[in-house]
């Protein structure tokens, strides 16, 4: 039993925490769109259009990292206004 606990402790110290890059966010948006396709959601309506728009804007932006930062601030301002 102690070897299992020791292995768990060892795994938890080996993982690194890092801020998500624009590639990580792009992959997550693609995963969301794939899930929508799996459930036969219309690509031009609702959340699919929202995420598709964000993916297009991310790919078209000159500086993807800066786009992620400005998008975060826009979303955080919207969330603070809705409270």
PDB file of N, CA and C in Angstrom:
ATOM      1  N   UNK A   1       0.813  -1.191   0.000  1.00  0.00           N
ATOM      2  CA  UNK A   1       0.000   0.000   0.000  1.00  0.00           C
ATOM      3  C   UNK A   1       0.861   1.261   0.000  1.00  0.00           C
ATOM      4  N   UNK A   2       1.956   1.216   0.759  1.00  0.00           N
ATOM      5  CA  UNK A   2       2.804   2.404   0.817  1.00  0.00           C
ATOM      6  C   UNK A   2       3.482   2.672  -0.525  1.00  0.00           C
ATOM      7  N   UNK A   3       3.731   1.614  -1.318  1.00  0.00           N
ATOM      8  CA  UNK A   3       4.351   1.832  -2.629  1.00  0.00           C
ATOM      9  C   UNK A   3       3.391   2.558  -3.568  1.00  0.00           C
ATOM     10  N   UNK A   4       2.082   2.300  -3.431  1.00  0.00           N
ATOM     11  CA  UNK A   4       1.097   2.991  -4.255  1.00  0.00           C
ATOM     12  C   UNK A   4       1.063   4.477  -3.895  1.00  0.00           C
ATOM     13  N   UNK A   5       1.070   4.768  -2.608  1.00  0.00           N
ATOM     14  CA  UNK A   5       1.056   6.166  -2.165  1.00  0.00           C
ATOM     15  C   UNK A   5       2.337   6.863  -2.605  1.00  0.00           C
ATOM     16  N   UNK A   6       3.440   6.172  -2.527  1.00  0.00           N
ATOM     17  CA  UNK A   6       4.709   6.758  -2.942  1.00  0.00           C
ATOM     18  C   UNK A   6       4.681   7.054  -4.447  1.00  0.00           C
ATOM     19  N   UNK A   7       4.124   6.155  -5.248  1.00  0.00           N
ATOM     20  CA  UNK A   7       4.034   6.381  -6.689  1.00  0.00           C
ATOM     21  C   UNK A   7       3.134   7.580  -7.009  1.00  0.00           C
ATOM     22  N   UNK A   8       2.042   7.720  -6.283  1.00  0.00           N
ATOM     23  CA  UNK A   8       1.147   8.851  -6.504  1.00  0.00           C
ATOM     24  C   UNK A   8       1.863  10.153  -6.174  1.00  0.00           C
ATOM     25  N   UNK A   9       2.598  10.186  -5.059  1.00  0.00           N
ATOM     26  CA  UNK A   9       3.348  11.386  -4.702  1.00  0.00           C
ATOM     27  C   UNK A   9       4.392  11.707  -5.763  1.00  0.00           C
ATOM     28  N   UNK A  10       5.006  10.683  -6.291  1.00  0.00           N
ATOM     29  CA  UNK A  10       6.038  10.876  -7.299  1.00  0.00           C
ATOM     30  C   UNK A  10       5.434  11.457  -8.581  1.00  0.00           C
ATOM     31  N   UNK A  11       4.271  10.979  -8.978  1.00  0.00           N
ATOM     32  CA  UNK A  11       3.612  11.504 -10.169  1.00  0.00           C
ATOM     33  C   UNK A  11       3.191  12.955 -10.000  1.00  0.00           C
ATOM     34  N   UNK A  12       2.689  13.290  -8.826  1.00  0.00           N
ATOM     35  CA  UNK A  12       2.202  14.653  -8.631  1.00  0.00           C
ATOM     36  C   UNK A  12       3.342  15.667  -8.640  1.00  0.00           C
ATOM     37  N   UNK A  13       4.536  15.280  -8.235  1.00  0.00           N
ATOM     38  CA  UNK A  13       5.653  16.221  -8.254  1.00  0.00           C
ATOM     39  C   UNK A  13       6.276  16.328  -9.638  1.00  0.00           C
ATOM     40  N   UNK A  14       6.036  15.349 -10.514  1.00  0.00           N
ATOM     41  CA  UNK A  14       6.638  15.365 -11.836  1.00  0.00           C
ATOM     42  C   UNK A  14       5.885  16.243 -12.824  1.00  0.00           C
ATOM     43  N   UNK A  15       4.613  16.499 -12.578  1.00  0.00           N
ATOM     44  CA  UNK A  15       3.852  17.311 -13.516  1.00  0.00           C
ATOM     45  C   UNK A  15       4.190  18.783 -13.316  1.00  0.00           C
ATOM     46  N   UNK A  16       4.329  19.486 -14.414  1.00  0.00           N
ATOM     47  CA  UNK A  16       4.610  20.911 -14.360  1.00  0.00           C
ATOM     48  C   UNK A  16       3.344  21.689 -14.674  1.00  0.00           C
ATOM     49  N   UNK A  17       3.199  22.793 -14.026  1.00  0.00           N
ATOM     50  CA  UNK A  17       2.090  23.669 -14.356  1.00  0.00           C
ATOM     51  C   UNK A  17       2.623  24.778 -15.247  1.00  0.00           C
ATOM     52  N   UNK A  18       1.865  25.103 -16.275  1.00  0.00           N
ATOM     53  CA  UNK A  18       2.253  26.174 -17.175  1.00  0.00           C
ATOM     54  C   UNK A  18       1.007  26.863 -17.708  1.00  0.00           C
ATOM     55  N   UNK A  19       1.192  28.072 -18.131  1.00  0.00           N
ATOM     56  CA  UNK A  19       0.069  28.791 -18.730  1.00  0.00           C
ATOM     57  C   UNK A  19      -0.223  28.192 -20.099  1.00  0.00           C
ATOM     58  N   UNK A  20      -1.488  28.136 -20.459  1.00  0.00           N
ATOM     59  CA  UNK A  20      -1.812  27.573 -21.775  1.00  0.00           C
ATOM     60  C   UNK A  20      -1.313  28.473 -22.902  1.00  0.00           C
ATOM     61  N   UNK A  21      -0.794  27.860 -23.935  1.00  0.00           N
ATOM     62  CA  UNK A  21      -0.345  28.607 -25.103  1.00  0.00           C
ATOM     63  C   UNK A  21      -1.504  28.744 -26.073  1.00  0.00           C
ATOM     64  N   UNK A  22      -1.301  29.521 -27.115  1.00  0.00           N
ATOM     65  CA  UNK A  22      -2.372  29.670 -28.100  1.00  0.00           C
ATOM     66  C   UNK A  22      -2.626  28.356 -28.816  1.00  0.00           C
ATOM     67  N   UNK A  23      -1.588  27.502 -28.930  1.00  0.00           N
ATOM     68  CA  UNK A  23      -1.786  26.192 -29.555  1.00  0.00           C
ATOM     69  C   UNK A  23      -2.685  25.305 -28.694  1.00  0.00           C
ATOM     70  N   UNK A  24      -2.525  25.401 -27.367  1.00  0.00           N
ATOM     71  CA  UNK A  24      -3.384  24.635 -26.459  1.00  0.00           C
ATOM     72  C   UNK A  24      -4.844  25.080 -26.602  1.00  0.00           C
ATOM     73  N   UNK A  25      -5.048  26.375 -26.666  1.00  0.00           N
ATOM     74  CA  UNK A  25      -6.407  26.904 -26.783  1.00  0.00           C
ATOM     75  C   UNK A  25      -7.005  26.557 -28.142  1.00  0.00           C
ATOM     76  N   UNK A  26      -6.185  26.625 -29.181  1.00  0.00           N
ATOM     77  CA  UNK A  26      -6.657  26.237 -30.512  1.00  0.00           C
ATOM     78  C   UNK A  26      -7.109  24.782 -30.515  1.00  0.00           C
ATOM     79  N   UNK A  27      -6.322  23.913 -29.885  1.00  0.00           N
ATOM     80  CA  UNK A  27      -6.676  22.488 -29.822  1.00  0.00           C
ATOM     81  C   UNK A  27      -7.982  22.280 -29.055  1.00  0.00           C
ATOM     82  N   UNK A  28      -8.177  23.028 -27.974  1.00  0.00           N
ATOM     83  CA  UNK A  28      -9.413  22.902 -27.204  1.00  0.00           C
ATOM     84  C   UNK A  28     -10.630  23.356 -28.005  1.00  0.00           C
ATOM     85  N   UNK A  29     -10.477  24.449 -28.750  1.00  0.00           N
ATOM     86  CA  UNK A  29     -11.591  24.919 -29.577  1.00  0.00           C
ATOM     87  C   UNK A  29     -11.916  23.885 -30.649  1.00  0.00           C
ATOM     88  N   UNK A  30     -10.891  23.290 -31.248  1.00  0.00           N
ATOM     89  CA  UNK A  30     -11.111  22.253 -32.265  1.00  0.00           C
ATOM     90  C   UNK A  30     -11.816  21.048 -31.648  1.00  0.00           C
ATOM     91  N   UNK A  31     -11.431  20.676 -30.423  1.00  0.00           N
ATOM     92  CA  UNK A  31     -12.094  19.561 -29.737  1.00  0.00           C
ATOM     93  C   UNK A  31     -13.572  19.866 -29.483  1.00  0.00           C
ATOM     94  N   UNK A  32     -13.871  21.117 -29.115  1.00  0.00           N
ATOM     95  CA  UNK A  32     -15.271  21.512 -28.900  1.00  0.00           C
ATOM     96  C   UNK A  32     -16.053  21.412 -30.201  1.00  0.00           C
ATOM     97  N   UNK A  33     -15.454  21.883 -31.296  1.00  0.00           N
ATOM     98  CA  UNK A  33     -16.131  21.816 -32.592  1.00  0.00           C
ATOM     99  C   UNK A  33     -16.326  20.365 -33.045  1.00  0.00           C
ATOM    100  N   UNK A  34     -15.351  19.512 -32.775  1.00  0.00           N
ATOM    101  CA  UNK A  34     -15.498  18.092 -33.123  1.00  0.00           C
ATOM    102  C   UNK A  34     -16.618  17.441 -32.330  1.00  0.00           C
ATOM    103  N   UNK A  35     -16.734  17.823 -31.055  1.00  0.00           N
ATOM    104  CA  UNK A  35     -17.824  17.279 -30.239  1.00  0.00           C
ATOM    105  C   UNK A  35     -19.168  17.737 -30.787  1.00  0.00           C
ATOM    106  N   UNK A  36     -19.239  18.992 -31.210  1.00  0.00           N
ATOM    107  CA  UNK A  36     -20.471  19.485 -31.816  1.00  0.00           C
ATOM    108  C   UNK A  36     -20.817  18.746 -33.091  1.00  0.00           C
ATOM    109  N   UNK A  37     -19.799  18.461 -33.907  1.00  0.00           N
ATOM    110  CA  UNK A  37     -20.036  17.676 -35.126  1.00  0.00           C
ATOM    111  C   UNK A  37     -20.505  16.272 -34.788  1.00  0.00           C
ATOM    112  N   UNK A  38     -19.936  15.688 -33.741  1.00  0.00           N
ATOM    113  CA  UNK A  38     -20.332  14.347 -33.327  1.00  0.00           C
ATOM    114  C   UNK A  38     -21.815  14.310 -32.959  1.00  0.00           C
ATOM    115  N   UNK A  39     -22.293  15.379 -32.325  1.00  0.00           N
ATOM    116  CA  UNK A  39     -23.695  15.440 -31.922  1.00  0.00           C
ATOM    117  C   UNK A  39     -24.576  16.116 -32.971  1.00  0.00           C
ATOM    118  N   UNK A  40     -24.056  16.238 -34.199  1.00  0.00           N
ATOM    119  CA  UNK A  40     -24.798  16.776 -35.345  1.00  0.00           C
ATOM    120  C   UNK A  40     -25.374  18.175 -35.108  1.00  0.00           C
ATOM    121  N   UNK A  41     -24.583  19.029 -34.455  1.00  0.00           N
ATOM    122  CA  UNK A  41     -25.003  20.416 -34.248  1.00  0.00           C
ATOM    123  C   UNK A  41     -24.726  21.207 -35.521  1.00  0.00           C
ATOM    124  N   UNK A  42     -25.587  22.170 -35.823  1.00  0.00           N
ATOM    125  CA  UNK A  42     -25.405  23.027 -36.984  1.00  0.00           C
ATOM    126  C   UNK A  42     -24.209  23.943 -36.749  1.00  0.00           C
ATOM    127  N   UNK A  43     -23.309  24.018 -37.713  1.00  0.00           N
ATOM    128  CA  UNK A  43     -22.070  24.785 -37.556  1.00  0.00           C
ATOM    129  C   UNK A  43     -22.286  26.287 -37.553  1.00  0.00           C
ATOM    130  N   UNK A  44     -23.386  26.757 -38.059  1.00  0.00           N
ATOM    131  CA  UNK A  44     -23.599  28.194 -38.207  1.00  0.00           C
ATOM    132  C   UNK A  44     -24.575  28.771 -37.193  1.00  0.00           C
ATOM    133  N   UNK A  45     -24.939  27.999 -36.187  1.00  0.00           N
ATOM    134  CA  UNK A  45     -25.921  28.441 -35.206  1.00  0.00           C
ATOM    135  C   UNK A  45     -25.375  28.172 -33.797  1.00  0.00           C
ATOM    136  N   UNK A  46     -25.606  29.110 -32.898  1.00  0.00           N
ATOM    137  CA  UNK A  46     -25.326  28.909 -31.487  1.00  0.00           C
ATOM    138  C   UNK A  46     -23.863  28.785 -31.142  1.00  0.00           C
ATOM    139  N   UNK A  47     -23.576  27.852 -30.235  1.00  0.00           N
ATOM    140  CA  UNK A  47     -22.224  27.744 -29.715  1.00  0.00           C
ATOM    141  C   UNK A  47     -21.231  27.312 -30.780  1.00  0.00           C
ATOM    142  N   UNK A  48     -21.664  26.587 -31.782  1.00  0.00           N
ATOM    143  CA  UNK A  48     -20.741  26.172 -32.847  1.00  0.00           C
ATOM    144  C   UNK A  48     -20.243  27.389 -33.617  1.00  0.00           C
ATOM    145  N   UNK A  49     -21.140  28.307 -33.940  1.00  0.00           N
ATOM    146  CA  UNK A  49     -20.746  29.530 -34.647  1.00  0.00           C
ATOM    147  C   UNK A  49     -19.842  30.386 -33.770  1.00  0.00           C
ATOM    148  N   UNK A  50     -20.133  30.423 -32.478  1.00  0.00           N
ATOM    149  CA  UNK A  50     -19.326  31.199 -31.530  1.00  0.00           C
ATOM    150  C   UNK A  50     -17.887  30.693 -31.509  1.00  0.00           C
ATOM    151  N   UNK A  51     -17.710  29.389 -31.354  1.00  0.00           N
ATOM    152  CA  UNK A  51     -16.361  28.828 -31.289  1.00  0.00           C
ATOM    153  C   UNK A  51     -15.678  28.834 -32.650  1.00  0.00           C
ATOM    154  N   UNK A  52     -16.444  28.646 -33.706  1.00  0.00           N
ATOM    155  CA  UNK A  52     -15.872  28.712 -35.054  1.00  0.00           C
ATOM    156  C   UNK A  52     -15.345  30.115 -35.322  1.00  0.00           C
ATOM    157  N   UNK A  53     -16.085  31.129 -34.889  1.00  0.00           N
ATOM    158  CA  UNK A  53     -15.659  32.512 -35.040  1.00  0.00           C
ATOM    159  C   UNK A  53     -14.359  32.763 -34.265  1.00  0.00           C
ATOM    160  N   UNK A  54     -14.283  32.273 -33.036  1.00  0.00           N
ATOM    161  CA  UNK A  54     -13.071  32.442 -32.240  1.00  0.00           C
ATOM    162  C   UNK A  54     -11.879  31.732 -32.882  1.00  0.00           C
ATOM    163  N   UNK A  55     -12.099  30.566 -33.430  1.00  0.00           N
ATOM    164  CA  UNK A  55     -11.019  29.831 -34.084  1.00  0.00           C
ATOM    165  C   UNK A  55     -10.537  30.588 -35.316  1.00  0.00           C
ATOM    166  N   UNK A  56     -11.458  31.112 -36.107  1.00  0.00           N
ATOM    167  CA  UNK A  56     -11.081  31.886 -37.296  1.00  0.00           C
ATOM    168  C   UNK A  56     -10.294  33.136 -36.909  1.00  0.00           C
ATOM    169  N   UNK A  57     -10.770  33.849 -35.880  1.00  0.00           N
ATOM    170  CA  UNK A  57     -10.077  35.057 -35.440  1.00  0.00           C
ATOM    171  C   UNK A  57      -8.695  34.740 -34.887  1.00  0.00           C
ATOM    172  N   UNK A  58      -8.586  33.634 -34.157  1.00  0.00           N
ATOM    173  CA  UNK A  58      -7.291  33.223 -33.610  1.00  0.00           C
ATOM    174  C   UNK A  58      -6.298  32.926 -34.726  1.00  0.00           C
ATOM    175  N   UNK A  59      -6.746  32.202 -35.710  1.00  0.00           N
ATOM    176  CA  UNK A  59      -5.848  31.837 -36.815  1.00  0.00           C
ATOM    177  C   UNK A  59      -5.485  33.034 -37.690  1.00  0.00           C
ATOM    178  N   UNK A  60      -6.380  34.023 -37.814  1.00  0.00           N
ATOM    179  CA  UNK A  60      -6.121  35.184 -38.658  1.00  0.00           C
ATOM    180  C   UNK A  60      -5.278  36.252 -37.965  1.00  0.00           C
ATOM    181  N   UNK A  61      -5.225  36.221 -36.643  1.00  0.00           N
ATOM    182  CA  UNK A  61      -4.522  37.281 -35.923  1.00  0.00           C
ATOM    183  C   UNK A  61      -3.020  37.206 -36.181  1.00  0.00           C
ATOM    184  N   UNK A  62      -2.398  38.376 -36.180  1.00  0.00           N
ATOM    185  CA  UNK A  62      -0.960  38.439 -36.421  1.00  0.00           C
ATOM    186  C   UNK A  62      -0.174  37.883 -35.245  1.00  0.00           C
ATOM    187  N   UNK A  63      -0.625  38.182 -34.033  1.00  0.00           N
ATOM    188  CA  UNK A  63       0.031  37.702 -32.815  1.00  0.00           C
ATOM    189  C   UNK A  63      -0.988  36.903 -32.010  1.00  0.00           C
ATOM    190  N   UNK A  64      -0.901  35.600 -32.104  1.00  0.00           N
ATOM    191  CA  UNK A  64      -1.890  34.736 -31.459  1.00  0.00           C
ATOM    192  C   UNK A  64      -1.863  34.868 -29.935  1.00  0.00           C
ATOM    193  N   UNK A  65      -0.671  35.001 -29.362  1.00  0.00           N
ATOM    194  CA  UNK A  65      -0.585  35.138 -27.903  1.00  0.00           C
ATOM    195  C   UNK A  65      -1.314  36.398 -27.443  1.00  0.00           C
ATOM    196  N   UNK A  66      -1.140  37.484 -28.162  1.00  0.00           N
ATOM    197  CA  UNK A  66      -1.808  38.734 -27.810  1.00  0.00           C
ATOM    198  C   UNK A  66      -3.321  38.607 -27.984  1.00  0.00           C
ATOM    199  N   UNK A  67      -3.759  37.885 -29.002  1.00  0.00           N
ATOM    200  CA  UNK A  67      -5.188  37.663 -29.210  1.00  0.00           C
ATOM    201  C   UNK A  67      -5.792  36.918 -28.018  1.00  0.00           C
ATOM    202  N   UNK A  68      -5.096  35.921 -27.513  1.00  0.00           N
ATOM    203  CA  UNK A  68      -5.580  35.151 -26.364  1.00  0.00           C
ATOM    204  C   UNK A  68      -5.707  36.059 -25.145  1.00  0.00           C
ATOM    205  N   UNK A  69      -4.729  36.912 -24.931  1.00  0.00           N
ATOM    206  CA  UNK A  69      -4.756  37.804 -23.776  1.00  0.00           C
ATOM    207  C   UNK A  69      -5.916  38.787 -23.877  1.00  0.00           C
ATOM    208  N   UNK A  70      -6.099  39.402 -25.035  1.00  0.00           N
ATOM    209  CA  UNK A  70      -7.200  40.366 -25.184  1.00  0.00           C
ATOM    210  C   UNK A  70      -8.558  39.673 -25.095  1.00  0.00           C
ATOM    211  N   UNK A  71      -8.665  38.463 -25.617  1.00  0.00           N
ATOM    212  CA  UNK A  71      -9.929  37.713 -25.503  1.00  0.00           C
ATOM    213  C   UNK A  71     -10.239  37.404 -24.051  1.00  0.00           C
ATOM    214  N   UNK A  72      -9.212  37.053 -23.281  1.00  0.00           N
ATOM    215  CA  UNK A  72      -9.403  36.776 -21.860  1.00  0.00           C
ATOM    216  C   UNK A  72      -9.946  38.003 -21.150  1.00  0.00           C
ATOM    217  N   UNK A  73      -9.346  39.170 -21.411  1.00  0.00           N
ATOM    218  CA  UNK A  73      -9.802  40.386 -20.740  1.00  0.00           C
ATOM    219  C   UNK A  73     -11.221  40.757 -21.152  1.00  0.00           C
ATOM    220  N   UNK A  74     -11.578  40.545 -22.412  1.00  0.00           N
ATOM    221  CA  UNK A  74     -12.942  40.817 -22.859  1.00  0.00           C
ATOM    222  C   UNK A  74     -13.933  39.918 -22.122  1.00  0.00           C
ATOM    223  N   UNK A  75     -13.606  38.625 -22.020  1.00  0.00           N
ATOM    224  CA  UNK A  75     -14.501  37.690 -21.337  1.00  0.00           C
ATOM    225  C   UNK A  75     -14.595  37.980 -19.850  1.00  0.00           C
ATOM    226  N   UNK A  76     -13.491  38.366 -19.231  1.00  0.00           N
ATOM    227  CA  UNK A  76     -13.529  38.659 -17.797  1.00  0.00           C
ATOM    228  C   UNK A  76     -14.350  39.917 -17.518  1.00  0.00           C
ATOM    229  N   UNK A  77     -14.319  40.901 -18.428  1.00  0.00           N
ATOM    230  CA  UNK A  77     -15.144  42.096 -18.243  1.00  0.00           C
ATOM    231  C   UNK A  77     -16.622  41.762 -18.394  1.00  0.00           C
ATOM    232  N   UNK A  78     -16.951  40.897 -19.338  1.00  0.00           N
ATOM    233  CA  UNK A  78     -18.345  40.485 -19.528  1.00  0.00           C
ATOM    234  C   UNK A  78     -18.834  39.744 -18.301  1.00  0.00           C
ATOM    235  N   UNK A  79     -18.008  38.856 -17.762  1.00  0.00           N
ATOM    236  CA  UNK A  79     -18.406  38.100 -16.571  1.00  0.00           C
ATOM    237  C   UNK A  79     -18.580  39.003 -15.371  1.00  0.00           C
ATOM    238  N   UNK A  80     -17.750  40.011 -15.203  1.00  0.00           N
ATOM    239  CA  UNK A  80     -17.884  40.901 -14.050  1.00  0.00           C
ATOM    240  C   UNK A  80     -19.115  41.784 -14.186  1.00  0.00           C
ATOM    241  N   UNK A  81     -19.531  42.121 -15.384  1.00  0.00           N
ATOM    242  CA  UNK A  81     -20.729  42.924 -15.593  1.00  0.00           C
ATOM    243  C   UNK A  81     -21.993  42.125 -15.330  1.00  0.00           C
ATOM    244  N   UNK A  82     -21.949  40.813 -15.556  1.00  0.00           N
ATOM    245  CA  UNK A  82     -23.131  39.971 -15.376  1.00  0.00           C
ATOM    246  C   UNK A  82     -23.374  39.607 -13.913  1.00  0.00           C
ATOM    247  N   UNK A  83     -22.488  39.951 -13.039  1.00  0.00           N
ATOM    248  CA  UNK A  83     -22.669  39.581 -11.619  1.00  0.00           C
ATOM    249  C   UNK A  83     -23.493  40.565 -10.890  1.00  0.00           C
TER     250      UNK A  83
END
